[in-house]
Protein backbone atom coordinates (compact mmCIF):
# COMPACT_ATOMS: atom_id res chain seq x y z
CA MET A 1 -0.09 -0.02 0.16
CA LYS A 2 2.86 2.35 0.89
CA LYS A 3 4.31 1.50 -2.52
CA VAL A 4 1.21 2.57 -4.44
CA ILE A 5 0.69 5.80 -2.64
CA PHE A 6 4.47 6.63 -3.05
CA ALA A 7 4.10 5.93 -6.80
CA LEU A 8 0.91 7.93 -7.16
CA ALA A 9 2.88 10.73 -5.40
CA ILE A 10 5.71 10.61 -7.68
CA LEU A 11 3.47 10.39 -10.60
CA ALA A 12 1.47 13.41 -9.46
CA PHE A 13 4.64 15.39 -8.65
CA SER A 14 6.11 14.80 -12.02
CA THR A 15 3.19 15.56 -13.93
CA PHE A 16 2.41 18.92 -12.34
CA SER A 17 6.43 19.80 -12.70
CA LEU A 18 6.01 19.23 -16.51
CA VAL A 19 2.73 21.03 -17.00
CA SER A 20 3.95 23.92 -15.13
CA CYS A 21 7.25 24.21 -17.18
CA ARG A 22 5.43 24.61 -20.48
CA GLU A 23 5.88 27.91 -22.37
CA THR A 24 2.91 29.81 -23.22
CA LYS A 25 2.72 31.40 -26.73
CA GLU A 26 2.06 35.14 -26.30
CA LYS A 27 0.25 36.80 -29.16
CA THR A 28 0.77 40.62 -29.48
CA ILE A 29 -1.92 42.48 -31.39
CA VAL A 30 -1.16 45.99 -32.81
CA ILE A 31 -4.11 47.99 -33.59
CA GLU A 32 -3.39 51.30 -35.75
CA LYS A 33 -5.90 53.91 -35.87
CA GLU A 34 -5.99 56.34 -38.76
CA VAL A 35 -6.90 59.96 -37.59
CA LYS A 36 -8.72 62.18 -39.81
CA GLU A 37 -6.68 65.44 -40.57
CA GLU A 38 -9.68 67.04 -41.85
CA ALA A 39 -11.39 66.92 -38.50
CA LYS A 40 -8.35 68.68 -36.78
CA GLU A 41 -8.16 71.38 -39.46
CA GLU A 42 -11.85 72.18 -39.45
CA LYS A 43 -12.95 75.17 -37.34
CA GLY A 44 -16.08 75.36 -35.23
CA ILE A 45 -18.73 77.84 -35.88
CA LEU A 46 -17.43 80.00 -32.96
CA GLU A 47 -14.03 80.18 -34.24
CA ARG A 48 -15.19 81.15 -37.67
CA ALA A 49 -17.54 83.80 -36.27
CA GLY A 50 -14.86 85.10 -34.05
CA GLU A 51 -12.49 85.48 -36.92
CA LYS A 52 -15.10 87.34 -38.94
CA ALA A 53 -15.88 89.80 -36.23
CA ASP A 54 -11.97 90.21 -35.53
CA LYS A 55 -11.53 91.10 -39.47
CA GLU A 56 -14.40 93.46 -39.12
CA VAL A 57 -13.16 95.19 -36.04
CA ASN A 58 -9.59 95.26 -37.56
CA GLU A 59 -10.96 97.12 -40.73
CA GLU A 60 -12.73 99.73 -38.58
CA ILE A 61 -9.52 100.47 -36.24
CA ASP A 62 -7.43 100.83 -39.63
CA LYS A 63 -9.87 103.42 -41.02
CA LYS A 64 -9.76 105.33 -37.54
CA ILE A 65 -5.86 105.06 -37.59
CA GLU A 66 -5.95 106.71 -41.26
CA GLU A 67 -8.11 109.29 -40.21
CA ILE A 68 -6.23 110.43 -37.37
CA GLY A 69 -2.85 110.12 -39.06
CA ASP A 70 0.55 109.30 -38.04
CA ASP A 71 2.12 110.95 -35.11
CA ASN A 72 5.79 110.27 -36.00
C-alpha cells in the first residue's frame, strides 16, 4: 500500500512539474488607428464667427488710424 501511494505521489509530482514548465505563446496585437486630419483642421462655428468679427473690427481700427494720421 505504501508503494502505491508513493508511486502515485511521484507520478502526480512529475505531472505537475512538466505541466508548469510549458511555455505559453503570447500573441501581440497591434491596432493602428487612422486619424482624420480634416477633423483637426476644421474650425468650429464659434471660431469662424470670431475670426469674421476680428476682421471687421480690424478694418474699423485701420480706418480710424488713417483718419487720425501718423504722429511720427
